[in-house]
Amino acid sequence: MSDDDLEIVRGSGNIFADFGDPDAETKLMKAKLAAKIIGVLDDRKIKAVTAAKMASVAAADISRVRNADLSKFTLDWLVRLHHALEPDVEVGLTFSPRERETRHALAC
């Protein structure tokens, strides 16, 4: 394959939508929330067992979140987990109009 055969396509900002997933918005929200949870665990150096006790969940569930294996979890479960780990942080939801999709293909 030569450089002439390559095409650059800008993503939408939601990889799940880019691949046509029907639950793209939910999966993106779950992924963002899981990233915040992982950040809290890392920043505070909280082990899975400790986090599990704090949130009254199984340590295996904390490990699943750490590994971004989120299919088992609902968005509200992840919000409750985040709240158990960071009760002083408010989690919010913002609604805004979508930008029109303007995917530009650039030939290299």
PDB file of N, CA and C in Angstrom:
ATOM      1  N   MET A   1       0.845  -1.173   0.000  1.00  0.00           N
ATOM      2  CA  MET A   1       0.000   0.000   0.000  1.00  0.00           C
ATOM      3  C   MET A   1       0.893   1.240   0.000  1.00  0.00           C
ATOM      4  N   SER A   2       0.618   2.147  -0.870  1.00  0.00           N
ATOM      5  CA  SER A   2       1.397   3.379  -0.948  1.00  0.00           C
ATOM      6  C   SER A   2       0.637   4.504  -0.261  1.00  0.00           C
ATOM      7  N   ASP A   3       1.320   5.628  -0.056  1.00  0.00           N
ATOM      8  CA  ASP A   3       0.679   6.790   0.552  1.00  0.00           C
ATOM      9  C   ASP A   3      -0.488   7.287  -0.294  1.00  0.00           C
ATOM     10  N   ASP A   4      -0.443   7.055  -1.586  1.00  0.00           N
ATOM     11  CA  ASP A   4      -1.527   7.494  -2.455  1.00  0.00           C
ATOM     12  C   ASP A   4      -2.817   6.710  -2.209  1.00  0.00           C
ATOM     13  N   ASP A   5      -2.702   5.533  -1.603  1.00  0.00           N
ATOM     14  CA  ASP A   5      -3.856   4.692  -1.343  1.00  0.00           C
ATOM     15  C   ASP A   5      -4.547   5.033  -0.024  1.00  0.00           C
ATOM     16  N   LEU A   6      -3.946   5.897   0.783  1.00  0.00           N
ATOM     17  CA  LEU A   6      -4.489   6.227   2.090  1.00  0.00           C
ATOM     18  C   LEU A   6      -5.468   7.379   2.009  1.00  0.00           C
ATOM     19  N   GLU A   7      -6.473   7.307   2.856  1.00  0.00           N
ATOM     20  CA  GLU A   7      -7.467   8.369   2.940  1.00  0.00           C
ATOM     21  C   GLU A   7      -7.654   8.707   4.411  1.00  0.00           C
ATOM     22  N   ILE A   8      -7.642   9.972   4.737  1.00  0.00           N
ATOM     23  CA  ILE A   8      -7.859  10.400   6.112  1.00  0.00           C
ATOM     24  C   ILE A   8      -9.305  10.835   6.236  1.00  0.00           C
ATOM     25  N   VAL A   9      -9.978  10.285   7.233  1.00  0.00           N
ATOM     26  CA  VAL A   9     -11.372  10.630   7.483  1.00  0.00           C
ATOM     27  C   VAL A   9     -11.473  11.127   8.916  1.00  0.00           C
ATOM     28  N   ARG A  10     -12.039  12.299   9.080  1.00  0.00           N
ATOM     29  CA  ARG A  10     -12.205  12.851  10.424  1.00  0.00           C
ATOM     30  C   ARG A  10     -13.379  12.149  11.100  1.00  0.00           C
ATOM     31  N   GLY A  11     -13.159  11.766  12.363  1.00  0.00           N
ATOM     32  CA  GLY A  11     -14.225  11.137  13.128  1.00  0.00           C
ATOM     33  C   GLY A  11     -15.200  12.166  13.660  1.00  0.00           C
ATOM     34  N   SER A  12     -16.308  11.685  14.132  1.00  0.00           N
ATOM     35  CA  SER A  12     -17.357  12.558  14.650  1.00  0.00           C
ATOM     36  C   SER A  12     -17.108  12.980  16.095  1.00  0.00           C
ATOM     37  N   GLY A  13     -16.138  12.336  16.760  1.00  0.00           N
ATOM     38  CA  GLY A  13     -15.937  12.560  18.181  1.00  0.00           C
ATOM     39  C   GLY A  13     -16.577  11.460  19.009  1.00  0.00           C
ATOM     40  N   ASN A  14     -17.325  10.597  18.354  1.00  0.00           N
ATOM     41  CA  ASN A  14     -17.928   9.437  19.014  1.00  0.00           C
ATOM     42  C   ASN A  14     -17.600   8.211  18.177  1.00  0.00           C
ATOM     43  N   ILE A  15     -16.591   7.473  18.606  1.00  0.00           N
ATOM     44  CA  ILE A  15     -16.136   6.319  17.827  1.00  0.00           C
ATOM     45  C   ILE A  15     -17.229   5.274  17.665  1.00  0.00           C
ATOM     46  N   PHE A  16     -18.118   5.179  18.668  1.00  0.00           N
ATOM     47  CA  PHE A  16     -19.209   4.215  18.577  1.00  0.00           C
ATOM     48  C   PHE A  16     -20.150   4.591  17.430  1.00  0.00           C
ATOM     49  N   ALA A  17     -20.430   5.875  17.286  1.00  0.00           N
ATOM     50  CA  ALA A  17     -21.276   6.340  16.183  1.00  0.00           C
ATOM     51  C   ALA A  17     -20.565   6.166  14.849  1.00  0.00           C
ATOM     52  N   ASP A  18     -19.266   6.420  14.842  1.00  0.00           N
ATOM     53  CA  ASP A  18     -18.499   6.279  13.605  1.00  0.00           C
ATOM     54  C   ASP A  18     -18.577   4.863  13.057  1.00  0.00           C
ATOM     55  N   PHE A  19     -18.726   3.887  13.956  1.00  0.00           N
ATOM     56  CA  PHE A  19     -18.834   2.496  13.531  1.00  0.00           C
ATOM     57  C   PHE A  19     -20.279   2.018  13.463  1.00  0.00           C
ATOM     58  N   GLY A  20     -21.223   2.954  13.563  1.00  0.00           N
ATOM     59  CA  GLY A  20     -22.631   2.626  13.356  1.00  0.00           C
ATOM     60  C   GLY A  20     -23.323   1.938  14.509  1.00  0.00           C
ATOM     61  N   ASP A  21     -22.803   2.054  15.718  1.00  0.00           N
ATOM     62  CA  ASP A  21     -23.429   1.406  16.872  1.00  0.00           C
ATOM     63  C   ASP A  21     -24.744   2.120  17.203  1.00  0.00           C
ATOM     64  N   PRO A  22     -25.847   1.387  17.325  1.00  0.00           N
ATOM     65  CA  PRO A  22     -27.130   2.028  17.616  1.00  0.00           C
ATOM     66  C   PRO A  22     -27.204   2.638  19.020  1.00  0.00           C
ATOM     67  N   ASP A  23     -26.356   2.204  19.940  1.00  0.00           N
ATOM     68  CA  ASP A  23     -26.318   2.754  21.300  1.00  0.00           C
ATOM     69  C   ASP A  23     -25.111   3.654  21.496  1.00  0.00           C
ATOM     70  N   ALA A  24     -24.715   4.336  20.454  1.00  0.00           N
ATOM     71  CA  ALA A  24     -23.477   5.115  20.476  1.00  0.00           C
ATOM     72  C   ALA A  24     -23.452   6.173  21.571  1.00  0.00           C
ATOM     73  N   GLU A  25     -24.522   6.910  21.746  1.00  0.00           N
ATOM     74  CA  GLU A  25     -24.535   7.999  22.741  1.00  0.00           C
ATOM     75  C   GLU A  25     -24.384   7.445  24.151  1.00  0.00           C
ATOM     76  N   THR A  26     -25.108   6.389  24.451  1.00  0.00           N
ATOM     77  CA  THR A  26     -25.030   5.785  25.781  1.00  0.00           C
ATOM     78  C   THR A  26     -23.646   5.218  26.027  1.00  0.00           C
ATOM     79  N   LYS A  27     -23.095   4.532  25.044  1.00  0.00           N
ATOM     80  CA  LYS A  27     -21.765   3.946  25.217  1.00  0.00           C
ATOM     81  C   LYS A  27     -20.699   5.014  25.406  1.00  0.00           C
ATOM     82  N   LEU A  28     -20.838   6.136  24.716  1.00  0.00           N
ATOM     83  CA  LEU A  28     -19.878   7.223  24.895  1.00  0.00           C
ATOM     84  C   LEU A  28     -19.985   7.815  26.298  1.00  0.00           C
ATOM     85  N   MET A  29     -21.214   8.008  26.786  1.00  0.00           N
ATOM     86  CA  MET A  29     -21.381   8.538  28.144  1.00  0.00           C
ATOM     87  C   MET A  29     -20.802   7.576  29.174  1.00  0.00           C
ATOM     88  N   LYS A  30     -21.048   6.279  29.005  1.00  0.00           N
ATOM     89  CA  LYS A  30     -20.501   5.291  29.923  1.00  0.00           C
ATOM     90  C   LYS A  30     -18.977   5.303  29.886  1.00  0.00           C
ATOM     91  N   ALA A  31     -18.403   5.409  28.703  1.00  0.00           N
ATOM     92  CA  ALA A  31     -16.947   5.427  28.570  1.00  0.00           C
ATOM     93  C   ALA A  31     -16.347   6.665  29.248  1.00  0.00           C
ATOM     94  N   LYS A  32     -16.983   7.809  29.069  1.00  0.00           N
ATOM     95  CA  LYS A  32     -16.482   9.034  29.703  1.00  0.00           C
ATOM     96  C   LYS A  32     -16.577   8.945  31.219  1.00  0.00           C
ATOM     97  N   LEU A  33     -17.686   8.421  31.715  1.00  0.00           N
ATOM     98  CA  LEU A  33     -17.862   8.284  33.153  1.00  0.00           C
ATOM     99  C   LEU A  33     -16.871   7.266  33.721  1.00  0.00           C
ATOM    100  N   ALA A  34     -16.667   6.166  33.017  1.00  0.00           N
ATOM    101  CA  ALA A  34     -15.684   5.168  33.462  1.00  0.00           C
ATOM    102  C   ALA A  34     -14.286   5.775  33.505  1.00  0.00           C
ATOM    103  N   ALA A  35     -13.966   6.615  32.529  1.00  0.00           N
ATOM    104  CA  ALA A  35     -12.651   7.272  32.527  1.00  0.00           C
ATOM    105  C   ALA A  35     -12.486   8.156  33.765  1.00  0.00           C
ATOM    106  N   LYS A  36     -13.544   8.837  34.159  1.00  0.00           N
ATOM    107  CA  LYS A  36     -13.485   9.664  35.372  1.00  0.00           C
ATOM    108  C   LYS A  36     -13.294   8.786  36.607  1.00  0.00           C
ATOM    109  N   ILE A  37     -14.015   7.669  36.648  1.00  0.00           N
ATOM    110  CA  ILE A  37     -13.888   6.752  37.782  1.00  0.00           C
ATOM    111  C   ILE A  37     -12.464   6.211  37.858  1.00  0.00           C
ATOM    112  N   ILE A  38     -11.937   5.791  36.747  1.00  0.00           N
ATOM    113  CA  ILE A  38     -10.559   5.286  36.707  1.00  0.00           C
ATOM    114  C   ILE A  38      -9.582   6.370  37.158  1.00  0.00           C
ATOM    115  N   GLY A  39      -9.834   7.603  36.736  1.00  0.00           N
ATOM    116  CA  GLY A  39      -8.990   8.723  37.168  1.00  0.00           C
ATOM    117  C   GLY A  39      -9.014   8.908  38.675  1.00  0.00           C
ATOM    118  N   VAL A  40     -10.193   8.794  39.282  1.00  0.00           N
ATOM    119  CA  VAL A  40     -10.309   8.909  40.746  1.00  0.00           C
ATOM    120  C   VAL A  40      -9.527   7.789  41.415  1.00  0.00           C
ATOM    121  N   LEU A  41      -9.709   6.560  40.924  1.00  0.00           N
ATOM    122  CA  LEU A  41      -8.999   5.420  41.502  1.00  0.00           C
ATOM    123  C   LEU A  41      -7.489   5.610  41.397  1.00  0.00           C
ATOM    124  N   ASP A  42      -7.033   6.058  40.242  1.00  0.00           N
ATOM    125  CA  ASP A  42      -5.598   6.258  40.037  1.00  0.00           C
ATOM    126  C   ASP A  42      -5.058   7.415  40.868  1.00  0.00           C
ATOM    127  N   ASP A  43      -5.748   8.560  40.814  1.00  0.00           N
ATOM    128  CA  ASP A  43      -5.278   9.745  41.533  1.00  0.00           C
ATOM    129  C   ASP A  43      -5.187   9.504  43.041  1.00  0.00           C
ATOM    130  N   ARG A  44      -6.171   8.787  43.558  1.00  0.00           N
ATOM    131  CA  ARG A  44      -6.210   8.540  45.005  1.00  0.00           C
ATOM    132  C   ARG A  44      -5.567   7.202  45.382  1.00  0.00           C
ATOM    133  N   LYS A  45      -5.045   6.505  44.357  1.00  0.00           N
ATOM    134  CA  LYS A  45      -4.374   5.209  44.570  1.00  0.00           C
ATOM    135  C   LYS A  45      -5.263   4.230  45.337  1.00  0.00           C
ATOM    136  N   ILE A  46      -6.522   4.149  44.913  1.00  0.00           N
ATOM    137  CA  ILE A  46      -7.486   3.264  45.555  1.00  0.00           C
ATOM    138  C   ILE A  46      -7.450   1.907  44.856  1.00  0.00           C
ATOM    139  N   LYS A  47      -7.243   0.863  45.617  1.00  0.00           N
ATOM    140  CA  LYS A  47      -7.235  -0.503  45.085  1.00  0.00           C
ATOM    141  C   LYS A  47      -8.677  -0.964  44.859  1.00  0.00           C
ATOM    142  N   ALA A  48      -8.836  -1.976  44.020  1.00  0.00           N
ATOM    143  CA  ALA A  48     -10.172  -2.490  43.672  1.00  0.00           C
ATOM    144  C   ALA A  48     -10.935  -2.947  44.913  1.00  0.00           C
ATOM    145  N   VAL A  49     -10.269  -3.618  45.814  1.00  0.00           N
ATOM    146  CA  VAL A  49     -10.934  -4.127  47.020  1.00  0.00           C
ATOM    147  C   VAL A  49     -11.439  -2.968  47.877  1.00  0.00           C
ATOM    148  N   THR A  50     -10.622  -1.941  48.023  1.00  0.00           N
ATOM    149  CA  THR A  50     -11.017  -0.768  48.808  1.00  0.00           C
ATOM    150  C   THR A  50     -12.181  -0.041  48.144  1.00  0.00           C
ATOM    151  N   ALA A  51     -12.099   0.157  46.838  1.00  0.00           N
ATOM    152  CA  ALA A  51     -13.176   0.822  46.108  1.00  0.00           C
ATOM    153  C   ALA A  51     -14.464   0.019  46.213  1.00  0.00           C
ATOM    154  N   ALA A  52     -14.355  -1.284  46.140  1.00  0.00           N
ATOM    155  CA  ALA A  52     -15.530  -2.148  46.241  1.00  0.00           C
ATOM    156  C   ALA A  52     -16.214  -1.975  47.594  1.00  0.00           C
ATOM    157  N   LYS A  53     -15.413  -1.895  48.650  1.00  0.00           N
ATOM    158  CA  LYS A  53     -15.986  -1.687  49.988  1.00  0.00           C
ATOM    159  C   LYS A  53     -16.646  -0.314  50.086  1.00  0.00           C
ATOM    160  N   MET A  54     -15.990   0.701  49.533  1.00  0.00           N
ATOM    161  CA  MET A  54     -16.542   2.059  49.577  1.00  0.00           C
ATOM    162  C   MET A  54     -17.891   2.141  48.876  1.00  0.00           C
ATOM    163  N   ALA A  55     -18.036   1.386  47.791  1.00  0.00           N
ATOM    164  CA  ALA A  55     -19.234   1.475  46.956  1.00  0.00           C
ATOM    165  C   ALA A  55     -20.207   0.319  47.174  1.00  0.00           C
ATOM    166  N   SER A  56     -19.845  -0.610  48.031  1.00  0.00           N
ATOM    167  CA  SER A  56     -20.679  -1.801  48.279  1.00  0.00           C
ATOM    168  C   SER A  56     -20.965  -2.570  46.997  1.00  0.00           C
ATOM    169  N   VAL A  57     -19.900  -2.798  46.242  1.00  0.00           N
ATOM    170  CA  VAL A  57     -19.995  -3.589  45.011  1.00  0.00           C
ATOM    171  C   VAL A  57     -18.889  -4.641  45.045  1.00  0.00           C
ATOM    172  N   ALA A  58     -18.913  -5.536  44.097  1.00  0.00           N
ATOM    173  CA  ALA A  58     -17.879  -6.570  44.019  1.00  0.00           C
ATOM    174  C   ALA A  58     -16.575  -5.987  43.475  1.00  0.00           C
ATOM    175  N   ALA A  59     -15.470  -6.456  44.000  1.00  0.00           N
ATOM    176  CA  ALA A  59     -14.161  -6.010  43.511  1.00  0.00           C
ATOM    177  C   ALA A  59     -14.006  -6.343  42.028  1.00  0.00           C
ATOM    178  N   ALA A  60     -14.610  -7.437  41.589  1.00  0.00           N
ATOM    179  CA  ALA A  60     -14.543  -7.806  40.173  1.00  0.00           C
ATOM    180  C   ALA A  60     -15.204  -6.743  39.298  1.00  0.00           C
ATOM    181  N   ASP A  61     -16.253  -6.097  39.822  1.00  0.00           N
ATOM    182  CA  ASP A  61     -16.901  -5.028  39.053  1.00  0.00           C
ATOM    183  C   ASP A  61     -15.987  -3.817  38.906  1.00  0.00           C
ATOM    184  N   ILE A  62     -15.236  -3.518  39.941  1.00  0.00           N
ATOM    185  CA  ILE A  62     -14.267  -2.414  39.859  1.00  0.00           C
ATOM    186  C   ILE A  62     -13.218  -2.753  38.801  1.00  0.00           C
ATOM    187  N   SER A  63     -12.754  -3.990  38.798  1.00  0.00           N
ATOM    188  CA  SER A  63     -11.779  -4.422  37.792  1.00  0.00           C
ATOM    189  C   SER A  63     -12.354  -4.332  36.387  1.00  0.00           C
ATOM    190  N   ARG A  64     -13.629  -4.687  36.228  1.00  0.00           N
ATOM    191  CA  ARG A  64     -14.260  -4.568  34.905  1.00  0.00           C
ATOM    192  C   ARG A  64     -14.271  -3.110  34.442  1.00  0.00           C
ATOM    193  N   VAL A  65     -14.596  -2.202  35.344  1.00  0.00           N
ATOM    194  CA  VAL A  65     -14.601  -0.777  34.984  1.00  0.00           C
ATOM    195  C   VAL A  65     -13.191  -0.353  34.603  1.00  0.00           C
ATOM    196  N   ARG A  66     -12.212  -0.756  35.385  1.00  0.00           N
ATOM    197  CA  ARG A  66     -10.805  -0.416  35.080  1.00  0.00           C
ATOM    198  C   ARG A  66     -10.390  -0.920  33.707  1.00  0.00           C
ATOM    199  N   ASN A  67     -10.937  -2.056  33.290  1.00  0.00           N
ATOM    200  CA  ASN A  67     -10.592  -2.644  31.992  1.00  0.00           C
ATOM    201  C   ASN A  67     -11.536  -2.199  30.878  1.00  0.00           C
ATOM    202  N   ALA A  68     -12.388  -1.223  31.178  1.00  0.00           N
ATOM    203  CA  ALA A  68     -13.350  -0.678  30.210  1.00  0.00           C
ATOM    204  C   ALA A  68     -14.273  -1.754  29.657  1.00  0.00           C
ATOM    205  N   ASP A  69     -14.572  -2.752  30.468  1.00  0.00           N
ATOM    206  CA  ASP A  69     -15.549  -3.781  30.122  1.00  0.00           C
ATOM    207  C   ASP A  69     -16.875  -3.324  30.729  1.00  0.00           C
ATOM    208  N   LEU A  70     -17.571  -2.464  30.013  1.00  0.00           N
ATOM    209  CA  LEU A  70     -18.718  -1.754  30.586  1.00  0.00           C
ATOM    210  C   LEU A  70     -20.074  -2.324  30.188  1.00  0.00           C
ATOM    211  N   SER A  71     -20.107  -3.373  29.401  1.00  0.00           N
ATOM    212  CA  SER A  71     -21.379  -3.881  28.875  1.00  0.00           C
ATOM    213  C   SER A  71     -22.325  -4.344  29.981  1.00  0.00           C
ATOM    214  N   LYS A  72     -21.799  -4.765  31.097  1.00  0.00           N
ATOM    215  CA  LYS A  72     -22.610  -5.261  32.210  1.00  0.00           C
ATOM    216  C   LYS A  72     -23.273  -4.126  32.995  1.00  0.00           C
ATOM    217  N   PHE A  73     -22.761  -2.925  32.867  1.00  0.00           N
ATOM    218  CA  PHE A  73     -23.173  -1.841  33.742  1.00  0.00           C
ATOM    219  C   PHE A  73     -24.100  -0.847  33.047  1.00  0.00           C
ATOM    220  N   THR A  74     -25.032  -0.323  33.834  1.00  0.00           N
ATOM    221  CA  THR A  74     -25.899   0.739  33.334  1.00  0.00           C
ATOM    222  C   THR A  74     -25.252   2.082  33.650  1.00  0.00           C
ATOM    223  N   LEU A  75     -25.737   3.087  32.988  1.00  0.00           N
ATOM    224  CA  LEU A  75     -25.216   4.430  33.215  1.00  0.00           C
ATOM    225  C   LEU A  75     -25.471   4.858  34.659  1.00  0.00           C
ATOM    226  N   ASP A  76     -26.643   4.564  35.187  1.00  0.00           N
ATOM    227  CA  ASP A  76     -26.942   4.969  36.566  1.00  0.00           C
ATOM    228  C   ASP A  76     -26.065   4.222  37.574  1.00  0.00           C
ATOM    229  N   TRP A  77     -25.700   2.962  37.288  1.00  0.00           N
ATOM    230  CA  TRP A  77     -24.805   2.230  38.177  1.00  0.00           C
ATOM    231  C   TRP A  77     -23.445   2.916  38.226  1.00  0.00           C
ATOM    232  N   LEU A  78     -22.955   3.341  37.070  1.00  0.00           N
ATOM    233  CA  LEU A  78     -21.671   4.032  37.011  1.00  0.00           C
ATOM    234  C   LEU A  78     -21.728   5.369  37.744  1.00  0.00           C
ATOM    235  N   VAL A  79     -22.856   6.068  37.644  1.00  0.00           N
ATOM    236  CA  VAL A  79     -23.008   7.332  38.378  1.00  0.00           C
ATOM    237  C   VAL A  79     -22.972   7.062  39.877  1.00  0.00           C
ATOM    238  N   ARG A  80     -23.668   6.020  40.331  1.00  0.00           N
ATOM    239  CA  ARG A  80     -23.665   5.687  41.758  1.00  0.00           C
ATOM    240  C   ARG A  80     -22.259   5.297  42.222  1.00  0.00           C
ATOM    241  N   LEU A  81     -21.531   4.557  41.394  1.00  0.00           N
ATOM    242  CA  LEU A  81     -20.158   4.191  41.739  1.00  0.00           C
ATOM    243  C   LEU A  81     -19.295   5.444  41.874  1.00  0.00           C
ATOM    244  N   HIS A  82     -19.396   6.341  40.912  1.00  0.00           N
ATOM    245  CA  HIS A  82     -18.626   7.583  40.979  1.00  0.00           C
ATOM    246  C   HIS A  82     -18.977   8.352  42.252  1.00  0.00           C
ATOM    247  N   HIS A  83     -20.262   8.421  42.569  1.00  0.00           N
ATOM    248  CA  HIS A  83     -20.694   9.159  43.766  1.00  0.00           C
ATOM    249  C   HIS A  83     -20.148   8.519  45.038  1.00  0.00           C
ATOM    250  N   ALA A  84     -20.080   7.189  45.073  1.00  0.00           N
ATOM    251  CA  ALA A  84     -19.530   6.508  46.251  1.00  0.00           C
ATOM    252  C   ALA A  84     -18.047   6.830  46.435  1.00  0.00           C
ATOM    253  N   LEU A  85     -17.350   7.007  45.324  1.00  0.00           N
ATOM    254  CA  LEU A  85     -15.918   7.296  45.389  1.00  0.00           C
ATOM    255  C   LEU A  85     -15.634   8.784  45.583  1.00  0.00           C
ATOM    256  N   GLU A  86     -16.492   9.626  45.031  1.00  0.00           N
ATOM    257  CA  GLU A  86     -16.314  11.088  45.105  1.00  0.00           C
ATOM    258  C   GLU A  86     -17.647  11.754  45.439  1.00  0.00           C
ATOM    259  N   PRO A  87     -18.109  11.643  46.683  1.00  0.00           N
ATOM    260  CA  PRO A  87     -19.432  12.171  47.028  1.00  0.00           C
ATOM    261  C   PRO A  87     -19.561  13.687  46.917  1.00  0.00           C
ATOM    262  N   ASP A  88     -18.457  14.400  46.912  1.00  0.00           N
ATOM    263  CA  ASP A  88     -18.509  15.860  46.840  1.00  0.00           C
ATOM    264  C   ASP A  88     -18.473  16.389  45.410  1.00  0.00           C
ATOM    265  N   VAL A  89     -18.482  15.495  44.436  1.00  0.00           N
ATOM    266  CA  VAL A  89     -18.433  15.902  43.032  1.00  0.00           C
ATOM    267  C   VAL A  89     -19.804  15.674  42.408  1.00  0.00           C
ATOM    268  N   GLU A  90     -20.312  16.699  41.771  1.00  0.00           N
ATOM    269  CA  GLU A  90     -21.606  16.597  41.103  1.00  0.00           C
ATOM    270  C   GLU A  90     -21.399  16.137  39.661  1.00  0.00           C
ATOM    271  N   VAL A  91     -22.157  15.135  39.267  1.00  0.00           N
ATOM    272  CA  VAL A  91     -22.131  14.646  37.894  1.00  0.00           C
ATOM    273  C   VAL A  91     -23.344  15.232  37.203  1.00  0.00           C
ATOM    274  N   GLY A  92     -23.128  15.853  36.042  1.00  0.00           N
ATOM    275  CA  GLY A  92     -24.225  16.496  35.330  1.00  0.00           C
ATOM    276  C   GLY A  92     -24.346  15.995  33.914  1.00  0.00           C
ATOM    277  N   LEU A  93     -25.389  16.429  33.280  1.00  0.00           N
ATOM    278  CA  LEU A  93     -25.683  16.059  31.909  1.00  0.00           C
ATOM    279  C   LEU A  93     -25.988  17.337  31.156  1.00  0.00           C
ATOM    280  N   THR A  94     -25.381  17.495  29.999  1.00  0.00           N
ATOM    281  CA  THR A  94     -25.581  18.704  29.206  1.00  0.00           C
ATOM    282  C   THR A  94     -26.237  18.335  27.889  1.00  0.00           C
ATOM    283  N   PHE A  95     -27.218  19.120  27.509  1.00  0.00           N
ATOM    284  CA  PHE A  95     -27.873  18.929  26.229  1.00  0.00           C
ATOM    285  C   PHE A  95     -27.484  20.074  25.306  1.00  0.00           C
ATOM    286  N   SER A  96     -27.075  19.743  24.112  1.00  0.00           N
ATOM    287  CA  SER A  96     -26.732  20.768  23.135  1.00  0.00           C
ATOM    288  C   SER A  96     -27.030  20.226  21.743  1.00  0.00           C
ATOM    289  N   PRO A  97     -27.340  21.125  20.817  1.00  0.00           N
ATOM    290  CA  PRO A  97     -27.633  20.651  19.462  1.00  0.00           C
ATOM    291  C   PRO A  97     -26.393  20.036  18.834  1.00  0.00           C
ATOM    292  N   ARG A  98     -26.616  19.031  18.026  1.00  0.00           N
ATOM    293  CA  ARG A  98     -25.505  18.398  17.325  1.00  0.00           C
ATOM    294  C   ARG A  98     -25.036  19.310  16.206  1.00  0.00           C
ATOM    295  N   GLU A  99     -23.745  19.268  15.977  1.00  0.00           N
ATOM    296  CA  GLU A  99     -23.222  19.965  14.812  1.00  0.00           C
ATOM    297  C   GLU A  99     -23.558  19.108  13.612  1.00  0.00           C
ATOM    298  N   ARG A 100     -23.818  19.743  12.508  1.00  0.00           N
ATOM    299  CA  ARG A 100     -24.076  18.976  11.297  1.00  0.00           C
ATOM    300  C   ARG A 100     -22.842  18.166  10.985  1.00  0.00           C
ATOM    301  N   GLU A 101     -23.063  16.939  10.594  1.00  0.00           N
ATOM    302  CA  GLU A 101     -21.928  16.084  10.255  1.00  0.00           C
ATOM    303  C   GLU A 101     -21.243  16.607   9.006  1.00  0.00           C
ATOM    304  N   THR A 102     -19.999  16.947   9.191  1.00  0.00           N
ATOM    305  CA  THR A 102     -19.189  17.397   8.055  1.00  0.00           C
ATOM    306  C   THR A 102     -17.938  16.563   8.035  1.00  0.00           C
ATOM    307  N   ARG A 103     -18.058  15.403   7.477  1.00  0.00           N
ATOM    308  CA  ARG A 103     -16.899  14.539   7.379  1.00  0.00           C
ATOM    309  C   ARG A 103     -16.160  14.868   6.097  1.00  0.00           C
ATOM    310  N   HIS A 104     -14.915  15.179   6.253  1.00  0.00           N
ATOM    311  CA  HIS A 104     -14.090  15.527   5.109  1.00  0.00           C
ATOM    312  C   HIS A 104     -13.071  14.434   4.875  1.00  0.00           C
ATOM    313  N   ALA A 105     -13.046  13.947   3.697  1.00  0.00           N
ATOM    314  CA  ALA A 105     -12.021  12.944   3.343  1.00  0.00           C
ATOM    315  C   ALA A 105     -10.890  13.698   2.651  1.00  0.00           C
ATOM    316  N   LEU A 106      -9.700  13.495   3.170  1.00  0.00           N
ATOM    317  CA  LEU A 106      -8.532  14.134   2.597  1.00  0.00           C
ATOM    318  C   LEU A 106      -7.613  13.064   2.025  1.00  0.00           C
ATOM    319  N   ALA A 107      -7.289  13.180   0.796  1.00  0.00           N
ATOM    320  CA  ALA A 107      -6.350  12.225   0.178  1.00  0.00           C
ATOM    321  C   ALA A 107      -4.935  12.623   0.544  1.00  0.00           C
ATOM    322  N   CYS A 108      -4.138  11.649   0.873  1.00  0.00           N
ATOM    323  CA  CYS A 108      -2.728  11.920   1.210  1.00  0.00           C
ATOM    324  C   CYS A 108      -1.871  11.858  -0.021  1.00  0.00           C
TER     325      CYS A 108
END
